[in-house]
Amino acid sequence: MDKCVVCGQQDNNKAIFREDGIDILRCLNCGHVYSSYDAPENDAGYFGADIGLQDHFWWREAHERMYRDFGRRFLAGKSGRLLDVGCGLGYFVKFVSEWPGWEAYGSEISVPAAEFAKKELGLESVIAGEVQSAGFEKKSWDVITLWDVIEHVPDPHSLLKFLNSILKDDGVLFIHTPNIKIQLPKARLKKLIIGEKPGAHYLEAKDHVNVYSARSLSAVLAANGFNGINFVHLRPIQSVAGSKNVFLRVIKNSWFYFAKFIGLITGNRVNIDNLFVIARKSGN
């Protein structure tokens, strides 16, 4: 990509990192960070046909603590319809479907992943294909979630506009995504220690085509009809880069509490954690 999706500036950027021959660019106008890689608009190849049960059931366990935190804070004592966009293998949809008072659906562009959700988890409510083509009625959802999805989307505007249209007037959008403010220093440190290697995944340059800060994500949301934008801390995934290492998990959990403390003493002006944002439709 050579155009900033936040401010629309064309060819007004500077390379700030390089991964596997791909430049990571910073817009010189608004500061948004994005990959120069020309990713397909809807890449259904993230999950291959060889989805292994053992590894992915473990991956479910790695997410459970985060899901429970979400449920306690945002689902408890309420009821409604929730749509998980880019639901992957369907574990979050399964979690919400078992929560009292909630009806959960998922959309997933990867056919193998959607089939996994249906066959292995018994989720007939997971729909394969683009969410825009699923036939959802306008103003039909109380909650829409995107867990580590928006960083994969080359053009977030069309997606967010559509999600705004199918969200009820009092509905809520939740987005979880990496934070460039912490991801870039981590990537530079990894590269310094490990060095430049073919196929490296320091910033996931081929997959994470837009890496947001709180500022850039707020701007994209506001441009597509959302307000009441609020960033909060959520318990982390119990894994580091897919590793099951217990020591790394301890470090990650410790970082969560440290990041929460930094946010508290700075009035949430400093966020050194992943971004987890709550947004509502404008005018509500």
Protein backbone atom coordinates (compact mmCIF):
# COMPACT_ATOMS: atom_id res chain seq x y z
CA MET A 1 0.00 0.00 0.00
CA ASP A 2 1.23 3.51 -0.75
CA LYS A 3 -1.79 5.42 0.59
CA CYS A 4 -2.59 6.14 4.22
CA VAL A 5 -6.05 4.82 5.10
CA VAL A 6 -6.43 7.28 7.97
CA CYS A 7 -5.85 10.65 6.27
CA GLY A 8 -5.76 9.62 2.60
CA GLN A 9 -2.28 11.00 1.87
CA GLN A 10 -0.62 9.34 -1.13
CA ASP A 11 3.13 8.68 -1.21
CA ASN A 12 3.74 10.92 1.80
CA ASN A 13 5.48 8.44 4.05
CA LYS A 14 8.76 7.28 5.51
CA ALA A 15 10.05 3.72 5.98
CA ILE A 16 10.58 3.08 9.70
CA PHE A 17 11.16 -0.68 9.67
CA ARG A 18 11.91 -3.45 7.19
CA GLU A 19 10.77 -7.06 7.48
CA ASP A 20 11.51 -9.81 4.97
CA GLY A 21 11.99 -7.26 2.18
CA ILE A 22 8.80 -5.35 3.05
CA ASP A 23 8.90 -1.75 4.25
CA ILE A 24 6.77 -0.63 7.19
CA LEU A 25 5.76 2.98 6.53
CA ARG A 26 4.74 5.91 8.71
CA CYS A 27 2.48 8.56 7.21
CA LEU A 28 4.24 11.92 7.49
CA ASN A 29 0.90 13.72 7.69
CA CYS A 30 -0.97 11.88 10.47
CA GLY A 31 1.55 9.36 11.83
CA HIS A 32 -0.40 6.18 10.99
CA VAL A 33 1.78 3.09 10.44
CA TYR A 34 1.08 0.61 7.66
CA SER A 35 2.75 -2.04 5.53
CA SER A 36 3.86 -1.43 1.96
CA TYR A 37 2.74 -4.97 1.13
CA ASP A 38 -0.20 -5.10 -1.28
CA ALA A 39 -2.42 -7.55 0.55
CA PRO A 40 -5.62 -8.89 -1.05
CA GLU A 41 -8.71 -7.11 0.27
CA ASN A 42 -10.22 -10.35 1.57
CA ASP A 43 -7.52 -12.91 2.33
CA ALA A 44 -9.21 -16.22 3.08
CA GLY A 45 -5.92 -18.07 3.33
CA TYR A 46 -5.06 -17.20 6.93
CA PHE A 47 -6.40 -20.58 8.08
CA GLY A 48 -5.35 -23.48 5.88
CA ALA A 49 -7.21 -26.73 5.32
CA ASP A 50 -4.87 -28.59 7.71
CA ILE A 51 -6.31 -27.19 10.94
CA GLY A 52 -5.02 -29.37 13.75
CA LEU A 53 -7.39 -30.10 16.62
CA GLN A 54 -4.79 -30.39 19.37
CA ASP A 55 -3.04 -27.07 18.68
CA HIS A 56 -6.26 -25.15 18.21
CA PHE A 57 -8.00 -26.54 21.27
CA TRP A 58 -4.93 -25.33 23.18
CA TRP A 59 -5.32 -21.95 21.44
CA ARG A 60 -8.88 -21.83 22.78
CA GLU A 61 -7.53 -22.34 26.30
CA ALA A 62 -5.03 -19.51 25.75
CA HIS A 63 -7.94 -17.13 25.03
CA GLU A 64 -10.33 -18.29 27.75
CA ARG A 65 -9.07 -15.92 30.45
CA MET A 66 -9.49 -12.93 28.14
CA TYR A 67 -12.97 -14.07 27.10
CA ARG A 68 -14.06 -14.52 30.72
CA ASP A 69 -12.83 -11.01 31.53
CA PHE A 70 -14.86 -9.68 28.60
CA GLY A 71 -17.94 -11.62 29.69
CA ARG A 72 -17.83 -10.42 33.29
CA ARG A 73 -17.43 -6.80 32.26
CA PHE A 74 -19.63 -6.49 29.19
CA LEU A 75 -22.10 -9.39 28.99
CA ALA A 76 -23.09 -10.09 32.60
CA GLY A 77 -26.60 -8.94 33.51
CA LYS A 78 -27.42 -8.10 29.90
CA SER A 79 -28.90 -9.89 26.90
CA GLY A 80 -28.94 -9.49 23.14
CA ARG A 81 -27.45 -10.53 19.84
CA LEU A 82 -23.69 -10.51 19.28
CA LEU A 83 -21.84 -10.80 15.97
CA ASP A 84 -18.14 -11.72 15.96
CA VAL A 85 -16.59 -10.56 12.68
CA GLY A 86 -13.61 -12.60 11.54
CA CYS A 87 -14.48 -15.21 14.14
CA GLY A 88 -11.75 -17.62 13.03
CA LEU A 89 -12.35 -21.07 14.49
CA GLY A 90 -15.37 -19.87 16.44
CA TYR A 91 -14.18 -20.14 20.03
CA PHE A 92 -15.46 -16.71 21.06
CA VAL A 93 -18.82 -17.38 19.38
CA LYS A 94 -19.00 -20.63 21.35
CA PHE A 95 -18.16 -18.79 24.57
CA VAL A 96 -20.87 -16.16 24.08
CA SER A 97 -23.48 -18.71 22.97
CA GLU A 98 -23.11 -20.38 26.38
CA TRP A 99 -23.51 -17.08 28.25
CA PRO A 100 -27.04 -16.60 29.67
CA GLY A 101 -29.21 -14.22 27.66
CA TRP A 102 -26.95 -13.97 24.61
CA GLU A 103 -27.39 -15.18 21.04
CA ALA A 104 -24.06 -15.35 19.19
CA TYR A 105 -23.18 -15.46 15.50
CA GLY A 106 -19.91 -15.31 13.61
CA SER A 107 -18.71 -14.47 10.12
CA GLU A 108 -15.43 -15.83 8.75
CA ILE A 109 -13.95 -15.52 5.25
CA SER A 110 -11.87 -18.70 5.65
CA VAL A 111 -14.02 -21.67 4.62
CA PRO A 112 -11.83 -24.23 6.48
CA ALA A 113 -12.08 -22.18 9.69
CA ALA A 114 -15.85 -21.78 9.35
CA GLU A 115 -16.21 -25.52 8.70
CA PHE A 116 -14.12 -26.22 11.81
CA ALA A 117 -16.49 -24.06 13.86
CA LYS A 118 -19.51 -25.92 12.52
CA LYS A 119 -18.19 -29.48 12.68
CA GLU A 120 -15.95 -29.40 15.75
CA LEU A 121 -17.80 -26.84 17.88
CA GLY A 122 -21.34 -27.42 16.61
CA LEU A 123 -21.81 -23.78 15.61
CA GLU A 124 -24.37 -23.52 12.83
CA SER A 125 -24.44 -19.78 13.53
CA VAL A 126 -21.02 -19.27 11.88
CA ILE A 127 -21.32 -18.04 8.30
CA ALA A 128 -18.51 -18.47 5.75
CA GLY A 129 -17.74 -15.46 3.54
CA GLU A 130 -17.52 -11.69 3.79
CA VAL A 131 -19.67 -10.13 6.47
CA GLN A 132 -20.97 -7.61 3.91
CA SER A 133 -22.42 -10.50 1.88
CA ALA A 134 -24.05 -12.36 4.78
CA GLY A 135 -27.46 -10.74 4.34
CA PHE A 136 -27.65 -9.16 7.80
CA GLU A 137 -30.42 -6.62 8.29
CA LYS A 138 -29.68 -3.03 9.24
CA LYS A 139 -29.77 -2.18 12.94
CA SER A 140 -30.00 -5.84 13.94
CA TRP A 141 -27.06 -6.32 16.36
CA ASP A 142 -26.58 -5.23 19.96
CA VAL A 143 -22.85 -5.98 20.00
CA ILE A 144 -20.27 -6.46 17.25
CA THR A 145 -16.74 -7.65 18.03
CA LEU A 146 -13.51 -7.76 16.03
CA TRP A 147 -10.76 -9.72 17.78
CA ASP A 148 -7.40 -9.08 16.09
CA VAL A 149 -9.08 -8.55 12.72
CA ILE A 150 -8.90 -4.89 11.75
CA GLU A 151 -5.10 -4.95 11.36
CA HIS A 152 -5.58 -7.45 8.51
CA VAL A 153 -8.00 -5.20 6.57
CA PRO A 154 -6.39 -3.02 3.85
CA ASP A 155 -9.37 -0.62 3.74
CA PRO A 156 -11.13 -0.43 7.12
CA HIS A 157 -13.57 2.28 6.02
CA SER A 158 -15.95 0.12 3.99
CA LEU A 159 -16.00 -2.51 6.73
CA LEU A 160 -16.64 -0.04 9.56
CA LYS A 161 -19.34 1.81 7.62
CA PHE A 162 -21.12 -1.48 7.03
CA LEU A 163 -20.81 -2.55 10.66
CA ASN A 164 -22.20 0.82 11.73
CA SER A 165 -25.23 0.22 9.51
CA ILE A 166 -26.09 -3.19 11.02
CA LEU A 167 -25.48 -2.11 14.62
CA LYS A 168 -28.53 -1.03 16.61
CA ASP A 169 -28.75 2.63 17.57
CA ASP A 170 -27.77 1.75 21.13
CA GLY A 171 -25.35 -0.98 20.02
CA VAL A 172 -21.67 -1.25 20.89
CA LEU A 173 -18.61 -2.09 18.80
CA PHE A 174 -15.57 -3.71 20.44
CA ILE A 175 -12.19 -3.91 18.69
CA HIS A 176 -9.03 -5.64 19.90
CA THR A 177 -5.84 -5.02 17.90
CA PRO A 178 -2.05 -4.66 18.36
CA ASN A 179 -0.76 -1.27 19.46
CA ILE A 180 2.01 0.15 17.26
CA LYS A 181 3.34 2.13 20.23
CA ILE A 182 4.50 -1.13 21.82
CA GLN A 183 4.73 -3.42 18.77
CA LEU A 184 7.36 -1.33 16.96
CA PRO A 185 9.84 -1.18 19.89
CA LYS A 186 9.36 -4.93 20.43
CA ALA A 187 9.99 -5.62 16.73
CA ARG A 188 13.15 -3.50 16.74
CA LEU A 189 14.43 -5.31 19.82
CA LYS A 190 13.72 -8.73 18.27
CA LYS A 191 15.50 -7.73 15.08
CA LEU A 192 18.47 -6.44 17.07
CA ILE A 193 18.76 -9.73 18.96
CA ILE A 194 17.85 -12.20 16.22
CA GLY A 195 18.91 -10.24 13.16
CA GLU A 196 17.37 -9.99 9.70
CA LYS A 197 16.00 -13.38 8.67
CA PRO A 198 13.98 -14.54 5.67
CA GLY A 199 10.37 -15.17 6.63
CA ALA A 200 10.68 -13.14 9.84
CA HIS A 201 7.47 -12.12 11.63
CA TYR A 202 8.55 -9.15 13.73
CA LEU A 203 5.57 -6.99 12.73
CA GLU A 204 3.69 -9.53 10.57
CA ALA A 205 4.17 -7.26 7.55
CA LYS A 206 2.18 -9.45 5.14
CA ASP A 207 -0.73 -9.97 7.54
CA HIS A 208 -0.88 -6.81 9.67
CA VAL A 209 -1.20 -4.26 6.89
CA ASN A 210 -2.41 -1.50 9.23
CA VAL A 211 -0.95 -1.22 12.74
CA TYR A 212 -2.91 1.27 14.80
CA SER A 213 -2.25 3.63 17.64
CA ALA A 214 -5.09 4.84 19.86
CA ARG A 215 -5.07 8.07 17.86
CA SER A 216 -5.25 6.51 14.40
CA LEU A 217 -7.88 3.94 15.40
CA SER A 218 -10.00 6.69 16.97
CA ALA A 219 -9.76 8.70 13.74
CA VAL A 220 -10.87 5.78 11.56
CA LEU A 221 -13.79 5.03 13.88
CA ALA A 222 -14.92 8.66 14.02
CA ALA A 223 -14.76 8.90 10.22
CA ASN A 224 -17.22 6.02 9.96
CA GLY A 225 -19.94 7.11 12.32
CA PHE A 226 -18.69 6.10 15.76
CA ASN A 227 -18.23 8.17 18.91
CA GLY A 228 -18.01 7.59 22.66
CA ILE A 229 -14.65 5.99 21.91
CA ASN A 230 -13.04 4.56 25.03
CA PHE A 231 -9.89 2.47 25.42
CA VAL A 232 -9.71 0.00 28.32
CA HIS A 233 -7.38 -2.81 29.41
CA LEU A 234 -8.40 -6.43 28.93
CA ARG A 235 -6.63 -9.52 30.26
CA PRO A 236 -4.13 -10.80 27.67
CA ILE A 237 -4.05 -14.00 25.65
CA GLN A 238 -2.13 -16.61 27.64
CA SER A 239 0.54 -17.00 24.97
CA VAL A 240 3.51 -15.12 23.54
CA ALA A 241 3.86 -15.44 19.76
CA GLY A 242 2.05 -18.79 19.93
CA SER A 243 4.40 -20.19 22.58
CA LYS A 244 3.16 -22.37 25.46
CA ASN A 245 6.15 -21.37 27.60
CA VAL A 246 4.99 -20.77 31.18
CA PHE A 247 7.74 -18.22 31.93
CA LEU A 248 6.71 -16.10 28.94
CA ARG A 249 3.10 -16.25 30.08
CA VAL A 250 4.13 -14.97 33.53
CA ILE A 251 5.99 -12.08 31.91
CA LYS A 252 2.97 -11.24 29.74
CA ASN A 253 0.59 -11.24 32.71
CA SER A 254 3.00 -9.08 34.69
CA TRP A 255 3.16 -6.65 31.77
CA PHE A 256 -0.65 -6.46 31.75
CA TYR A 257 -0.74 -5.26 35.36
CA PHE A 258 2.15 -2.87 34.75
CA ALA A 259 0.41 -1.43 31.68
CA LYS A 260 -2.82 -1.08 33.65
CA PHE A 261 -0.92 0.78 36.40
CA ILE A 262 0.72 3.13 33.88
CA GLY A 263 -2.67 3.86 32.36
CA LEU A 264 -4.13 4.56 35.80
CA ILE A 265 -1.46 7.03 36.93
CA THR A 266 -1.47 8.85 33.57
CA GLY A 267 -5.24 9.10 33.27
CA ASN A 268 -5.12 6.62 30.37
CA ARG A 269 -3.01 9.04 28.34
CA VAL A 270 -0.26 6.42 28.04
CA ASN A 271 -1.16 2.96 26.72
CA ILE A 272 1.61 0.35 26.54
CA ASP A 273 -0.80 -2.55 26.12
CA ASN A 274 -2.74 -3.92 23.15
CA LEU A 275 -5.59 -1.68 22.06
CA PHE A 276 -9.08 -2.64 23.22
CA VAL A 277 -11.63 -0.03 22.24
CA ILE A 278 -15.33 0.44 22.92
CA ALA A 279 -17.25 2.59 20.43
CA ARG A 280 -20.89 3.57 19.89
CA LYS A 281 -22.84 4.90 16.94
CA SER A 282 -22.68 8.68 16.57
CA GLY A 283 -25.66 10.49 18.02
CA ASN A 284 -26.20 7.91 20.78
